[in-house]
């Protein structure tokens, strides 16, 4: 299932725009590749550590590894009571952490 094209805006803040309008150089996001059962399927709120790493790598992360996610969890990244990870909450934590490290104004 094709969910849109990612285009980087020429604006200085580099906003990503997801749209149905394709440009030849645009990277296409697709859910055509099945996610293995151990990746938690479509439940982005209840993923194993390994599934989080798999999904981050599939989305283009070059730094994602089990060790980096474990280090983030040790540094205070959110984790569910059963040890699983909510990818949405984890992503928000990463953005906030990055903003703090760069001197931004994150909540």
N, C-alpha and C. Protein backbone atom coordinates (compact mmCIF):
# COMPACT_ATOMS: atom_id res chain seq x y z
N UNK A 1 0.85 -1.17 0.00
CA UNK A 1 0.00 0.00 0.00
C UNK A 1 0.89 1.23 0.00
N UNK A 2 0.73 2.09 -0.94
CA UNK A 2 1.51 3.32 -1.04
C UNK A 2 0.85 4.40 -0.20
N UNK A 3 1.63 5.04 0.69
CA UNK A 3 1.02 6.04 1.56
C UNK A 3 1.45 7.46 1.24
N UNK A 4 2.27 7.66 0.23
CA UNK A 4 2.62 9.02 -0.14
C UNK A 4 4.09 9.17 -0.46
N UNK A 5 4.44 10.36 -0.86
CA UNK A 5 5.80 10.69 -1.22
C UNK A 5 6.35 11.67 -0.20
N UNK A 6 7.63 11.53 0.10
CA UNK A 6 8.26 12.47 1.02
C UNK A 6 9.09 13.43 0.19
N UNK A 7 8.86 14.69 0.40
CA UNK A 7 9.62 15.72 -0.29
C UNK A 7 10.17 16.67 0.74
N UNK A 8 11.43 17.05 0.60
CA UNK A 8 12.00 18.03 1.50
C UNK A 8 11.72 19.41 0.97
N UNK A 9 11.20 20.26 1.82
CA UNK A 9 10.88 21.63 1.45
C UNK A 9 12.17 22.41 1.26
N UNK A 10 12.21 23.36 0.34
CA UNK A 10 13.40 24.19 0.18
C UNK A 10 13.56 25.19 1.32
N UNK A 11 12.61 25.25 2.22
CA UNK A 11 12.68 26.18 3.34
C UNK A 11 13.89 25.83 4.22
N UNK A 12 14.48 26.81 4.89
CA UNK A 12 15.69 26.56 5.67
C UNK A 12 15.51 25.59 6.82
N UNK A 13 14.31 25.43 7.33
CA UNK A 13 14.09 24.51 8.44
C UNK A 13 13.88 23.09 7.96
N UNK A 14 13.87 22.85 6.64
CA UNK A 14 13.82 21.51 6.07
C UNK A 14 12.59 20.71 6.42
N UNK A 15 11.42 21.31 6.35
CA UNK A 15 10.18 20.62 6.67
C UNK A 15 9.91 19.51 5.65
N UNK A 16 9.45 18.36 6.13
CA UNK A 16 9.06 17.26 5.25
C UNK A 16 7.59 17.41 4.91
N UNK A 17 7.27 17.18 3.66
CA UNK A 17 5.89 17.24 3.21
C UNK A 17 5.55 15.87 2.64
N UNK A 18 4.48 15.27 3.12
CA UNK A 18 4.03 13.99 2.58
C UNK A 18 2.80 14.28 1.74
N UNK A 19 2.88 13.93 0.48
CA UNK A 19 1.78 14.21 -0.42
C UNK A 19 1.63 13.10 -1.43
N UNK A 20 0.54 13.15 -2.16
CA UNK A 20 0.31 12.17 -3.22
C UNK A 20 0.92 12.60 -4.54
N UNK A 21 1.44 13.82 -4.60
CA UNK A 21 2.04 14.30 -5.82
C UNK A 21 3.48 13.82 -5.92
N UNK A 22 3.75 12.99 -6.91
CA UNK A 22 5.07 12.39 -7.02
C UNK A 22 6.00 13.25 -7.86
N UNK A 23 7.23 13.37 -7.39
CA UNK A 23 8.29 13.96 -8.18
C UNK A 23 9.28 12.85 -8.43
N UNK A 24 9.95 12.82 -9.57
CA UNK A 24 10.84 11.71 -9.87
C UNK A 24 11.91 11.47 -8.80
N UNK A 25 12.42 12.53 -8.19
CA UNK A 25 13.48 12.36 -7.20
C UNK A 25 12.93 12.12 -5.79
N UNK A 26 11.63 12.12 -5.62
CA UNK A 26 11.04 11.95 -4.29
C UNK A 26 11.17 10.50 -3.85
N UNK A 27 11.49 10.32 -2.58
CA UNK A 27 11.55 8.97 -2.00
C UNK A 27 10.13 8.54 -1.68
N UNK A 28 9.77 7.33 -2.05
CA UNK A 28 8.42 6.87 -1.79
C UNK A 28 8.39 5.97 -0.57
N UNK A 29 7.46 6.27 0.33
CA UNK A 29 7.24 5.40 1.48
C UNK A 29 6.20 4.37 1.07
N UNK A 30 6.43 3.16 1.46
CA UNK A 30 5.52 2.11 1.06
C UNK A 30 5.40 1.08 2.18
N UNK A 31 4.22 0.53 2.31
CA UNK A 31 4.00 -0.56 3.25
C UNK A 31 3.87 -1.88 2.50
N UNK A 32 4.41 -1.93 1.27
CA UNK A 32 4.31 -3.14 0.46
C UNK A 32 5.08 -4.30 1.08
N UNK A 33 6.21 -4.00 1.74
CA UNK A 33 7.00 -5.06 2.36
C UNK A 33 6.32 -5.47 3.65
N UNK A 34 6.01 -6.74 3.80
CA UNK A 34 5.37 -7.15 5.05
C UNK A 34 6.33 -7.02 6.22
N UNK A 35 5.81 -6.64 7.36
CA UNK A 35 6.60 -6.55 8.58
C UNK A 35 6.53 -7.92 9.24
N UNK A 36 7.68 -8.49 9.61
CA UNK A 36 7.66 -9.81 10.25
C UNK A 36 6.81 -9.81 11.52
N UNK A 37 6.32 -10.98 11.86
CA UNK A 37 5.45 -11.10 13.04
C UNK A 37 6.13 -10.58 14.30
N UNK A 38 7.46 -10.76 14.40
CA UNK A 38 8.16 -10.31 15.60
C UNK A 38 8.30 -8.79 15.66
N UNK A 39 7.92 -8.09 14.58
CA UNK A 39 7.97 -6.63 14.59
C UNK A 39 6.70 -6.05 15.18
N UNK A 40 5.78 -6.87 15.59
CA UNK A 40 4.58 -6.38 16.26
C UNK A 40 3.48 -5.98 15.31
N UNK A 41 3.61 -6.28 14.03
CA UNK A 41 2.57 -5.92 13.07
C UNK A 41 2.33 -4.42 13.04
N UNK A 42 1.08 -4.02 13.09
CA UNK A 42 0.74 -2.61 13.00
C UNK A 42 0.60 -1.95 14.36
N UNK A 43 0.92 -2.63 15.44
CA UNK A 43 0.77 -2.08 16.79
C UNK A 43 2.03 -1.31 17.17
N UNK A 44 2.10 -0.08 16.74
CA UNK A 44 3.28 0.75 16.99
C UNK A 44 3.43 1.14 18.45
N UNK A 45 2.44 0.82 19.25
CA UNK A 45 2.49 1.19 20.66
C UNK A 45 3.00 0.06 21.55
N UNK A 46 3.22 -1.11 20.98
CA UNK A 46 3.66 -2.27 21.77
C UNK A 46 4.68 -3.05 20.94
N UNK A 47 5.92 -2.56 20.89
CA UNK A 47 6.96 -3.19 20.07
C UNK A 47 8.12 -3.65 20.93
N UNK A 48 8.72 -4.75 20.51
CA UNK A 48 9.94 -5.20 21.17
C UNK A 48 11.09 -4.27 20.77
N UNK A 49 12.15 -4.31 21.53
CA UNK A 49 13.33 -3.50 21.24
C UNK A 49 13.84 -3.79 19.83
N UNK A 50 13.90 -5.05 19.47
CA UNK A 50 14.39 -5.45 18.15
C UNK A 50 13.47 -4.95 17.04
N UNK A 51 12.16 -4.96 17.28
CA UNK A 51 11.20 -4.47 16.29
C UNK A 51 11.35 -2.97 16.09
N UNK A 52 11.60 -2.23 17.17
CA UNK A 52 11.82 -0.78 17.05
C UNK A 52 13.04 -0.52 16.18
N UNK A 53 14.12 -1.26 16.42
CA UNK A 53 15.34 -1.08 15.62
C UNK A 53 15.06 -1.41 14.16
N UNK A 54 14.35 -2.50 13.91
CA UNK A 54 14.01 -2.89 12.54
C UNK A 54 13.22 -1.80 11.83
N UNK A 55 12.21 -1.26 12.50
CA UNK A 55 11.38 -0.22 11.88
C UNK A 55 12.16 1.07 11.67
N UNK A 56 13.01 1.44 12.61
CA UNK A 56 13.83 2.64 12.44
C UNK A 56 14.79 2.48 11.27
N UNK A 57 15.40 1.31 11.14
CA UNK A 57 16.31 1.06 10.02
C UNK A 57 15.57 1.08 8.69
N UNK A 58 14.37 0.48 8.66
CA UNK A 58 13.57 0.49 7.43
C UNK A 58 13.15 1.89 7.04
N UNK A 59 13.05 2.79 8.02
CA UNK A 59 12.65 4.15 7.72
C UNK A 59 13.84 5.03 7.39
N UNK A 60 15.04 4.47 7.39
CA UNK A 60 16.22 5.21 6.94
C UNK A 60 17.24 5.56 8.00
N UNK A 61 17.02 5.16 9.24
CA UNK A 61 17.98 5.49 10.30
C UNK A 61 19.28 4.72 10.08
N UNK A 62 20.38 5.44 10.18
CA UNK A 62 21.69 4.80 10.06
C UNK A 62 22.29 4.50 11.43
N UNK A 63 21.79 5.17 12.48
CA UNK A 63 22.33 4.98 13.82
C UNK A 63 21.54 3.98 14.65
N UNK A 64 20.39 3.55 14.20
CA UNK A 64 19.54 2.67 15.01
C UNK A 64 20.23 1.33 15.23
N UNK A 65 20.32 0.96 16.49
CA UNK A 65 20.84 -0.36 16.87
C UNK A 65 20.24 -0.70 18.22
N UNK A 66 20.34 -1.96 18.59
CA UNK A 66 19.84 -2.39 19.89
C UNK A 66 20.56 -1.61 20.98
N UNK A 67 21.86 -1.40 20.82
CA UNK A 67 22.63 -0.68 21.84
C UNK A 67 22.20 0.78 21.98
N UNK A 68 21.92 1.46 20.86
CA UNK A 68 21.51 2.87 20.95
C UNK A 68 20.14 3.00 21.59
N UNK A 69 19.21 2.09 21.26
CA UNK A 69 17.88 2.16 21.88
C UNK A 69 17.99 1.84 23.37
N UNK A 70 18.82 0.85 23.73
CA UNK A 70 19.02 0.54 25.16
C UNK A 70 19.60 1.75 25.90
N UNK A 71 20.56 2.43 25.27
CA UNK A 71 21.15 3.62 25.89
C UNK A 71 20.10 4.71 26.07
N UNK A 72 19.22 4.87 25.08
CA UNK A 72 18.14 5.87 25.19
C UNK A 72 17.20 5.51 26.33
N UNK A 73 16.87 4.22 26.46
CA UNK A 73 15.99 3.79 27.55
C UNK A 73 16.65 4.06 28.91
N UNK A 74 17.95 3.81 28.99
CA UNK A 74 18.68 4.09 30.24
C UNK A 74 18.73 5.59 30.53
N UNK A 75 18.67 6.41 29.47
CA UNK A 75 18.72 7.87 29.63
C UNK A 75 17.35 8.47 29.90
N UNK A 76 16.31 7.63 29.93
CA UNK A 76 14.98 8.13 30.27
C UNK A 76 13.93 8.04 29.19
N UNK A 77 14.24 7.41 28.07
CA UNK A 77 13.23 7.24 27.02
C UNK A 77 12.07 6.41 27.58
N UNK A 78 10.84 6.71 27.15
CA UNK A 78 9.69 5.99 27.71
C UNK A 78 9.66 4.52 27.29
N UNK A 79 9.19 3.70 28.22
CA UNK A 79 9.04 2.27 27.96
C UNK A 79 7.77 1.80 28.65
N UNK A 80 7.05 0.90 28.01
CA UNK A 80 5.84 0.35 28.61
C UNK A 80 6.19 -0.51 29.82
N UNK A 81 5.23 -0.71 30.70
CA UNK A 81 5.44 -1.48 31.92
C UNK A 81 5.89 -2.91 31.64
N UNK A 82 5.45 -3.46 30.49
CA UNK A 82 5.82 -4.84 30.16
C UNK A 82 7.15 -4.94 29.42
N UNK A 83 7.88 -3.82 29.29
CA UNK A 83 9.18 -3.84 28.63
C UNK A 83 9.13 -3.53 27.15
N UNK A 84 7.94 -3.44 26.57
CA UNK A 84 7.82 -3.09 25.17
C UNK A 84 7.96 -1.58 25.01
N UNK A 85 8.02 -1.13 23.76
CA UNK A 85 8.24 0.29 23.47
C UNK A 85 7.11 0.81 22.60
N UNK A 86 6.61 1.98 22.96
CA UNK A 86 5.64 2.70 22.14
C UNK A 86 6.46 3.55 21.18
N UNK A 87 6.48 3.19 19.90
CA UNK A 87 7.32 3.88 18.92
C UNK A 87 6.97 5.36 18.80
N UNK A 88 5.71 5.69 18.96
CA UNK A 88 5.28 7.08 18.85
C UNK A 88 5.84 7.90 20.02
N UNK A 89 5.71 7.37 21.23
CA UNK A 89 6.24 8.06 22.41
C UNK A 89 7.76 8.13 22.35
N UNK A 90 8.40 7.07 21.89
CA UNK A 90 9.86 7.04 21.77
C UNK A 90 10.33 8.08 20.74
N UNK A 91 9.64 8.16 19.61
CA UNK A 91 9.99 9.15 18.60
C UNK A 91 9.86 10.57 19.13
N UNK A 92 8.79 10.83 19.87
CA UNK A 92 8.60 12.15 20.47
C UNK A 92 9.72 12.45 21.47
N UNK A 93 10.12 11.45 22.25
CA UNK A 93 11.21 11.63 23.20
C UNK A 93 12.50 11.95 22.47
N UNK A 94 12.77 11.25 21.35
CA UNK A 94 13.98 11.52 20.58
C UNK A 94 14.00 12.96 20.05
N UNK A 95 12.87 13.43 19.56
CA UNK A 95 12.79 14.80 19.04
C UNK A 95 13.03 15.80 20.17
N UNK A 96 12.40 15.57 21.32
CA UNK A 96 12.59 16.47 22.46
C UNK A 96 14.03 16.45 22.94
N UNK A 97 14.64 15.27 23.00
CA UNK A 97 16.03 15.15 23.43
C UNK A 97 16.96 15.89 22.47
N UNK A 98 16.71 15.74 21.19
CA UNK A 98 17.53 16.44 20.18
C UNK A 98 17.38 17.94 20.31
N UNK A 99 16.17 18.41 20.52
CA UNK A 99 15.92 19.84 20.67
C UNK A 99 16.65 20.38 21.91
N UNK A 100 16.64 19.62 23.00
CA UNK A 100 17.34 20.06 24.21
C UNK A 100 18.85 20.11 23.98
N UNK A 101 19.37 19.10 23.28
CA UNK A 101 20.82 19.06 23.03
C UNK A 101 21.26 20.19 22.10
N UNK A 102 20.38 20.61 21.20
CA UNK A 102 20.70 21.69 20.26
C UNK A 102 20.29 23.05 20.78
N UNK A 103 19.81 23.10 22.01
CA UNK A 103 19.43 24.38 22.60
C UNK A 103 18.09 24.88 22.17
N UNK A 104 17.23 24.00 21.67
CA UNK A 104 15.89 24.39 21.22
C UNK A 104 14.95 24.58 22.38
N UNK A 105 13.72 24.82 22.07
CA UNK A 105 12.68 25.06 23.07
C UNK A 105 11.64 23.96 22.99
N UNK A 106 11.97 22.79 23.48
CA UNK A 106 11.01 21.69 23.47
C UNK A 106 10.43 21.55 24.87
N UNK A 107 9.12 21.22 24.91
CA UNK A 107 8.35 21.08 26.11
C UNK A 107 9.02 20.51 27.25
